[in-house]
Amino acid sequence: MQNELILERIENLRGRKPYEEKKAAKLGFASLYEYFEDKISKEAKALEADQAHKTKVKKAIKTKAVAKQAGSCSCC
């Protein structure tokens, strides 16, 4: 079964299609479809990693803020 997102991206290439076909062949993909399939999966993994990193940063910021508020004196 073919993914609609991949087919849509291939249709929207217009003048860049020959360039993308050459690039896919250079990278060892048998077809333009396989190249875009790999490209989209890499984008999804990068997005997941970025979101995971952002949640870790937010948690770290919250714990630092709580630690600063827990001071015993009002001067710091």
PDB file of N, CA and C in Angstrom:
ATOM      1  N   MET A   1       0.839  -1.182   0.000  1.00  0.00           N
ATOM      2  CA  MET A   1       0.000   0.000   0.000  1.00  0.00           C
ATOM      3  C   MET A   1       0.886   1.248   0.000  1.00  0.00           C
ATOM      4  N   GLN A   2       0.513   2.196  -0.792  1.00  0.00           N
ATOM      5  CA  GLN A   2       1.320   3.395  -0.918  1.00  0.00           C
ATOM      6  C   GLN A   2       0.786   4.493   0.000  1.00  0.00           C
ATOM      7  N   ASN A   3       1.693   5.201   0.604  1.00  0.00           N
ATOM      8  CA  ASN A   3       1.368   6.264   1.535  1.00  0.00           C
ATOM      9  C   ASN A   3       0.968   7.512   0.754  1.00  0.00           C
ATOM     10  N   GLU A   4      -0.155   8.117   1.120  1.00  0.00           N
ATOM     11  CA  GLU A   4      -0.647   9.302   0.426  1.00  0.00           C
ATOM     12  C   GLU A   4       0.279  10.504   0.615  1.00  0.00           C
ATOM     13  N   LEU A   5       0.899  10.609   1.768  1.00  0.00           N
ATOM     14  CA  LEU A   5       1.809  11.724   2.031  1.00  0.00           C
ATOM     15  C   LEU A   5       3.006  11.680   1.083  1.00  0.00           C
ATOM     16  N   ILE A   6       3.529  10.493   0.867  1.00  0.00           N
ATOM     17  CA  ILE A   6       4.679  10.349  -0.033  1.00  0.00           C
ATOM     18  C   ILE A   6       4.283  10.690  -1.466  1.00  0.00           C
ATOM     19  N   LEU A   7       3.146  10.183  -1.889  1.00  0.00           N
ATOM     20  CA  LEU A   7       2.684  10.470  -3.251  1.00  0.00           C
ATOM     21  C   LEU A   7       2.417  11.956  -3.443  1.00  0.00           C
ATOM     22  N   GLU A   8       1.892  12.605  -2.420  1.00  0.00           N
ATOM     23  CA  GLU A   8       1.629  14.035  -2.499  1.00  0.00           C
ATOM     24  C   GLU A   8       2.932  14.829  -2.625  1.00  0.00           C
ATOM     25  N   ARG A   9       3.938  14.435  -1.864  1.00  0.00           N
ATOM     26  CA  ARG A   9       5.229  15.131  -1.945  1.00  0.00           C
ATOM     27  C   ARG A   9       5.868  14.953  -3.313  1.00  0.00           C
ATOM     28  N   ILE A  10       5.757  13.761  -3.880  1.00  0.00           N
ATOM     29  CA  ILE A  10       6.330  13.505  -5.204  1.00  0.00           C
ATOM     30  C   ILE A  10       5.605  14.345  -6.259  1.00  0.00           C
ATOM     31  N   GLU A  11       4.280  14.455  -6.142  1.00  0.00           N
ATOM     32  CA  GLU A  11       3.520  15.263  -7.100  1.00  0.00           C
ATOM     33  C   GLU A  11       3.893  16.741  -7.011  1.00  0.00           C
ATOM     34  N   ASN A  12       4.212  17.214  -5.832  1.00  0.00           N
ATOM     35  CA  ASN A  12       4.506  18.633  -5.637  1.00  0.00           C
ATOM     36  C   ASN A  12       5.946  19.012  -5.958  1.00  0.00           C
ATOM     37  N   LEU A  13       6.746  18.091  -6.432  1.00  0.00           N
ATOM     38  CA  LEU A  13       8.141  18.401  -6.738  1.00  0.00           C
ATOM     39  C   LEU A  13       8.291  19.332  -7.934  1.00  0.00           C
ATOM     40  N   ARG A  14       7.460  19.153  -8.919  1.00  0.00           N
ATOM     41  CA  ARG A  14       7.483  19.948 -10.149  1.00  0.00           C
ATOM     42  C   ARG A  14       8.871  19.956 -10.796  1.00  0.00           C
ATOM     43  N   GLY A  15       9.558  21.049 -10.824  1.00  0.00           N
ATOM     44  CA  GLY A  15      10.847  21.169 -11.506  1.00  0.00           C
ATOM     45  C   GLY A  15      12.002  20.528 -10.769  1.00  0.00           C
ATOM     46  N   ARG A  16      11.804  20.190  -9.497  1.00  0.00           N
ATOM     47  CA  ARG A  16      12.878  19.583  -8.707  1.00  0.00           C
ATOM     48  C   ARG A  16      12.895  18.062  -8.813  1.00  0.00           C
ATOM     49  N   LYS A  17      11.951  17.490  -9.546  1.00  0.00           N
ATOM     50  CA  LYS A  17      11.846  16.039  -9.628  1.00  0.00           C
ATOM     51  C   LYS A  17      13.105  15.385 -10.196  1.00  0.00           C
ATOM     52  N   PRO A  18      13.674  15.874 -11.301  1.00  0.00           N
ATOM     53  CA  PRO A  18      14.904  15.251 -11.812  1.00  0.00           C
ATOM     54  C   PRO A  18      16.055  15.322 -10.797  1.00  0.00           C
ATOM     55  N   TYR A  19      16.151  16.432 -10.086  1.00  0.00           N
ATOM     56  CA  TYR A  19      17.192  16.580  -9.068  1.00  0.00           C
ATOM     57  C   TYR A  19      17.010  15.544  -7.958  1.00  0.00           C
ATOM     58  N   GLU A  20      15.782  15.391  -7.475  1.00  0.00           N
ATOM     59  CA  GLU A  20      15.510  14.439  -6.400  1.00  0.00           C
ATOM     60  C   GLU A  20      15.717  12.998  -6.871  1.00  0.00           C
ATOM     61  N   GLU A  21      15.397  12.708  -8.136  1.00  0.00           N
ATOM     62  CA  GLU A  21      15.624  11.368  -8.680  1.00  0.00           C
ATOM     63  C   GLU A  21      17.114  11.049  -8.719  1.00  0.00           C
ATOM     64  N   LYS A  22      17.931  12.015  -9.144  1.00  0.00           N
ATOM     65  CA  LYS A  22      19.382  11.812  -9.171  1.00  0.00           C
ATOM     66  C   LYS A  22      19.932  11.613  -7.765  1.00  0.00           C
ATOM     67  N   LYS A  23      19.431  12.405  -6.831  1.00  0.00           N
ATOM     68  CA  LYS A  23      19.875  12.303  -5.450  1.00  0.00           C
ATOM     69  C   LYS A  23      19.505  10.938  -4.858  1.00  0.00           C
ATOM     70  N   ALA A  24      18.297  10.468  -5.153  1.00  0.00           N
ATOM     71  CA  ALA A  24      17.857   9.158  -4.660  1.00  0.00           C
ATOM     72  C   ALA A  24      18.729   8.050  -5.244  1.00  0.00           C
ATOM     73  N   ALA A  25      19.043   8.150  -6.534  1.00  0.00           N
ATOM     74  CA  ALA A  25      19.891   7.140  -7.172  1.00  0.00           C
ATOM     75  C   ALA A  25      21.299   7.166  -6.587  1.00  0.00           C
ATOM     76  N   LYS A  26      21.807   8.354  -6.318  1.00  0.00           N
ATOM     77  CA  LYS A  26      23.149   8.499  -5.757  1.00  0.00           C
ATOM     78  C   LYS A  26      23.231   7.881  -4.356  1.00  0.00           C
ATOM     79  N   LEU A  27      22.144   8.013  -3.591  1.00  0.00           N
ATOM     80  CA  LEU A  27      22.114   7.462  -2.239  1.00  0.00           C
ATOM     81  C   LEU A  27      21.774   5.977  -2.204  1.00  0.00           C
ATOM     82  N   GLY A  28      21.479   5.389  -3.358  1.00  0.00           N
ATOM     83  CA  GLY A  28      21.278   3.953  -3.442  1.00  0.00           C
ATOM     84  C   GLY A  28      19.840   3.489  -3.342  1.00  0.00           C
ATOM     85  N   PHE A  29      18.887   4.356  -3.525  1.00  0.00           N
ATOM     86  CA  PHE A  29      17.481   3.965  -3.478  1.00  0.00           C
ATOM     87  C   PHE A  29      17.038   3.530  -4.865  1.00  0.00           C
ATOM     88  N   ALA A  30      16.179   2.508  -4.906  1.00  0.00           N
ATOM     89  CA  ALA A  30      15.717   1.970  -6.184  1.00  0.00           C
ATOM     90  C   ALA A  30      14.692   2.881  -6.850  1.00  0.00           C
ATOM     91  N   SER A  31      13.954   3.632  -6.039  1.00  0.00           N
ATOM     92  CA  SER A  31      12.944   4.509  -6.609  1.00  0.00           C
ATOM     93  C   SER A  31      12.834   5.787  -5.796  1.00  0.00           C
ATOM     94  N   LEU A  32      12.181   6.753  -6.389  1.00  0.00           N
ATOM     95  CA  LEU A  32      11.940   8.021  -5.713  1.00  0.00           C
ATOM     96  C   LEU A  32      11.012   7.811  -4.514  1.00  0.00           C
ATOM     97  N   TYR A  33      10.081   6.872  -4.640  1.00  0.00           N
ATOM     98  CA  TYR A  33       9.148   6.557  -3.554  1.00  0.00           C
ATOM     99  C   TYR A  33       9.893   6.060  -2.314  1.00  0.00           C
ATOM    100  N   GLU A  34      10.838   5.153  -2.509  1.00  0.00           N
ATOM    101  CA  GLU A  34      11.620   4.626  -1.383  1.00  0.00           C
ATOM    102  C   GLU A  34      12.435   5.737  -0.719  1.00  0.00           C
ATOM    103  N   TYR A  35      12.974   6.627  -1.533  1.00  0.00           N
ATOM    104  CA  TYR A  35      13.768   7.744  -1.013  1.00  0.00           C
ATOM    105  C   TYR A  35      12.915   8.634  -0.109  1.00  0.00           C
ATOM    106  N   PHE A  36      11.712   8.983  -0.567  1.00  0.00           N
ATOM    107  CA  PHE A  36      10.849   9.832   0.236  1.00  0.00           C
ATOM    108  C   PHE A  36      10.314   9.093   1.462  1.00  0.00           C
ATOM    109  N   GLU A  37      10.110   7.819   1.344  1.00  0.00           N
ATOM    110  CA  GLU A  37       9.677   7.023   2.489  1.00  0.00           C
ATOM    111  C   GLU A  37      10.730   7.087   3.603  1.00  0.00           C
ATOM    112  N   ASP A  38      11.984   6.928   3.223  1.00  0.00           N
ATOM    113  CA  ASP A  38      13.085   7.010   4.189  1.00  0.00           C
ATOM    114  C   ASP A  38      13.211   8.424   4.743  1.00  0.00           C
ATOM    115  N   LYS A  39      13.084   9.404   3.891  1.00  0.00           N
ATOM    116  CA  LYS A  39      13.217  10.804   4.287  1.00  0.00           C
ATOM    117  C   LYS A  39      12.134  11.192   5.307  1.00  0.00           C
ATOM    118  N   ILE A  40      10.900  10.757   5.082  1.00  0.00           N
ATOM    119  CA  ILE A  40       9.800  11.069   5.988  1.00  0.00           C
ATOM    120  C   ILE A  40       9.975  10.347   7.317  1.00  0.00           C
ATOM    121  N   SER A  41      10.447   9.110   7.287  1.00  0.00           N
ATOM    122  CA  SER A  41      10.655   8.390   8.546  1.00  0.00           C
ATOM    123  C   SER A  41      11.760   9.041   9.371  1.00  0.00           C
ATOM    124  N   LYS A  42      12.807   9.541   8.720  1.00  0.00           N
ATOM    125  CA  LYS A  42      13.873  10.255   9.435  1.00  0.00           C
ATOM    126  C   LYS A  42      13.354  11.554  10.033  1.00  0.00           C
ATOM    127  N   GLU A  43      12.494  12.256   9.302  1.00  0.00           N
ATOM    128  CA  GLU A  43      11.918  13.495   9.815  1.00  0.00           C
ATOM    129  C   GLU A  43      11.063  13.218  11.051  1.00  0.00           C
ATOM    130  N   ALA A  44      10.300  12.126  11.018  1.00  0.00           N
ATOM    131  CA  ALA A  44       9.449  11.770  12.155  1.00  0.00           C
ATOM    132  C   ALA A  44      10.294  11.423  13.382  1.00  0.00           C
ATOM    133  N   LYS A  45      11.381  10.687  13.174  1.00  0.00           N
ATOM    134  CA  LYS A  45      12.262  10.333  14.292  1.00  0.00           C
ATOM    135  C   LYS A  45      12.920  11.577  14.877  1.00  0.00           C
ATOM    136  N   ALA A  46      13.327  12.501  14.027  1.00  0.00           N
ATOM    137  CA  ALA A  46      13.954  13.737  14.501  1.00  0.00           C
ATOM    138  C   ALA A  46      12.956  14.572  15.291  1.00  0.00           C
ATOM    139  N   LEU A  47      11.715  14.603  14.843  1.00  0.00           N
ATOM    140  CA  LEU A  47      10.680  15.355  15.544  1.00  0.00           C
ATOM    141  C   LEU A  47      10.415  14.757  16.920  1.00  0.00           C
ATOM    142  N   GLU A  48      10.353  13.424  16.999  1.00  0.00           N
ATOM    143  CA  GLU A  48      10.149  12.757  18.283  1.00  0.00           C
ATOM    144  C   GLU A  48      11.307  13.038  19.236  1.00  0.00           C
ATOM    145  N   ALA A  49      12.521  12.983  18.727  1.00  0.00           N
ATOM    146  CA  ALA A  49      13.694  13.240  19.562  1.00  0.00           C
ATOM    147  C   ALA A  49      13.698  14.686  20.052  1.00  0.00           C
ATOM    148  N   ASP A  50      13.298  15.611  19.193  1.00  0.00           N
ATOM    149  CA  ASP A  50      13.249  17.010  19.568  1.00  0.00           C
ATOM    150  C   ASP A  50      12.204  17.248  20.653  1.00  0.00           C
ATOM    151  N   GLN A  51      11.059  16.615  20.525  1.00  0.00           N
ATOM    152  CA  GLN A  51      10.008  16.766  21.533  1.00  0.00           C
ATOM    153  C   GLN A  51      10.440  16.152  22.860  1.00  0.00           C
ATOM    154  N   ALA A  52      11.109  15.018  22.815  1.00  0.00           N
ATOM    155  CA  ALA A  52      11.594  14.392  24.040  1.00  0.00           C
ATOM    156  C   ALA A  52      12.623  15.291  24.723  1.00  0.00           C
ATOM    157  N   HIS A  53      13.483  15.905  23.938  1.00  0.00           N
ATOM    158  CA  HIS A  53      14.495  16.808  24.487  1.00  0.00           C
ATOM    159  C   HIS A  53      13.838  18.024  25.139  1.00  0.00           C
ATOM    160  N   LYS A  54      12.812  18.571  24.508  1.00  0.00           N
ATOM    161  CA  LYS A  54      12.124  19.739  25.051  1.00  0.00           C
ATOM    162  C   LYS A  54      11.453  19.406  26.387  1.00  0.00           C
ATOM    163  N   THR A  55      10.879  18.220  26.508  1.00  0.00           N
ATOM    164  CA  THR A  55      10.229  17.856  27.768  1.00  0.00           C
ATOM    165  C   THR A  55      11.261  17.687  28.870  1.00  0.00           C
ATOM    166  N   LYS A  56      12.442  17.147  28.533  1.00  0.00           N
ATOM    167  CA  LYS A  56      13.505  17.016  29.523  1.00  0.00           C
ATOM    168  C   LYS A  56      13.980  18.376  29.995  1.00  0.00           C
ATOM    169  N   VAL A  57      14.100  19.314  29.080  1.00  0.00           N
ATOM    170  CA  VAL A  57      14.549  20.665  29.421  1.00  0.00           C
ATOM    171  C   VAL A  57      13.515  21.350  30.312  1.00  0.00           C
ATOM    172  N   LYS A  58      12.243  21.192  29.981  1.00  0.00           N
ATOM    173  CA  LYS A  58      11.193  21.811  30.782  1.00  0.00           C
ATOM    174  C   LYS A  58      11.190  21.264  32.200  1.00  0.00           C
ATOM    175  N   LYS A  59      11.379  19.945  32.338  1.00  0.00           N
ATOM    176  CA  LYS A  59      11.424  19.335  33.664  1.00  0.00           C
ATOM    177  C   LYS A  59      12.626  19.846  34.451  1.00  0.00           C
ATOM    178  N   ALA A  60      13.759  20.010  33.783  1.00  0.00           N
ATOM    179  CA  ALA A  60      14.966  20.496  34.454  1.00  0.00           C
ATOM    180  C   ALA A  60      14.776  21.934  34.916  1.00  0.00           C
ATOM    181  N   ILE A  61      14.141  22.741  34.097  1.00  0.00           N
ATOM    182  CA  ILE A  61      13.898  24.136  34.467  1.00  0.00           C
ATOM    183  C   ILE A  61      12.957  24.204  35.677  1.00  0.00           C
ATOM    184  N   LYS A  62      11.937  23.360  35.688  1.00  0.00           N
ATOM    185  CA  LYS A  62      10.992  23.361  36.801  1.00  0.00           C
ATOM    186  C   LYS A  62      11.671  22.937  38.096  1.00  0.00           C
ATOM    187  N   THR A  63      12.529  21.931  38.038  1.00  0.00           N
ATOM    188  CA  THR A  63      13.200  21.485  39.258  1.00  0.00           C
ATOM    189  C   THR A  63      14.176  22.536  39.763  1.00  0.00           C
ATOM    190  N   LYS A  64      14.829  23.269  38.870  1.00  0.00           N
ATOM    191  CA  LYS A  64      15.733  24.343  39.287  1.00  0.00           C
ATOM    192  C   LYS A  64      14.948  25.477  39.943  1.00  0.00           C
ATOM    193  N   ALA A  65      13.775  25.795  39.401  1.00  0.00           N
ATOM    194  CA  ALA A  65      12.951  26.861  39.956  1.00  0.00           C
ATOM    195  C   ALA A  65      12.455  26.483  41.345  1.00  0.00           C
ATOM    196  N   VAL A  66      12.095  25.235  41.530  1.00  0.00           N
ATOM    197  CA  VAL A  66      11.626  24.764  42.833  1.00  0.00           C
ATOM    198  C   VAL A  66      12.778  24.784  43.828  1.00  0.00           C
ATOM    199  N   ALA A  67      13.959  24.420  43.411  1.00  0.00           N
ATOM    200  CA  ALA A  67      15.112  24.407  44.297  1.00  0.00           C
ATOM    201  C   ALA A  67      15.474  25.826  44.742  1.00  0.00           C
ATOM    202  N   LYS A  68      15.356  26.804  43.872  1.00  0.00           N
ATOM    203  CA  LYS A  68      15.656  28.188  44.227  1.00  0.00           C
ATOM    204  C   LYS A  68      14.633  28.733  45.216  1.00  0.00           C
ATOM    205  N   GLN A  69      13.386  28.336  45.095  1.00  0.00           N
ATOM    206  CA  GLN A  69      12.336  28.812  45.981  1.00  0.00           C
ATOM    207  C   GLN A  69      12.417  28.201  47.370  1.00  0.00           C
ATOM    208  N   ALA A  70      13.111  27.107  47.508  1.00  0.00           N
ATOM    209  CA  ALA A  70      13.170  26.399  48.769  1.00  0.00           C
ATOM    210  C   ALA A  70      14.208  26.990  49.724  1.00  0.00           C
ATOM    211  N   GLY A  71      14.786  28.151  49.433  1.00  0.00           N
ATOM    212  CA  GLY A  71      15.782  28.779  50.282  1.00  0.00           C
ATOM    213  C   GLY A  71      15.192  29.146  51.645  1.00  0.00           C
ATOM    214  N   SER A  72      16.021  29.160  52.678  1.00  0.00           N
ATOM    215  CA  SER A  72      15.538  29.418  54.019  1.00  0.00           C
ATOM    216  C   SER A  72      15.451  30.910  54.338  1.00  0.00           C
ATOM    217  N   CYS A  73      16.204  31.718  53.637  1.00  0.00           N
ATOM    218  CA  CYS A  73      16.162  33.145  53.929  1.00  0.00           C
ATOM    219  C   CYS A  73      15.503  33.891  52.776  1.00  0.00           C
ATOM    220  N   SER A  74      15.086  35.100  53.016  1.00  0.00           N
ATOM    221  CA  SER A  74      14.390  35.876  51.989  1.00  0.00           C
ATOM    222  C   SER A  74      15.330  36.714  51.123  1.00  0.00           C
ATOM    223  N   CYS A  75      16.609  36.715  51.466  1.00  0.00           N
ATOM    224  CA  CYS A  75      17.547  37.541  50.716  1.00  0.00           C
ATOM    225  C   CYS A  75      18.003  36.913  49.391  1.00  0.00           C
ATOM    226  N   CYS A  76      17.905  35.617  49.245  1.00  0.00           N
ATOM    227  CA  CYS A  76      18.386  34.989  48.015  1.00  0.00           C
ATOM    228  C   CYS A  76      17.387  34.161  47.303  1.00  0.00           C
TER     229      CYS A  76
END
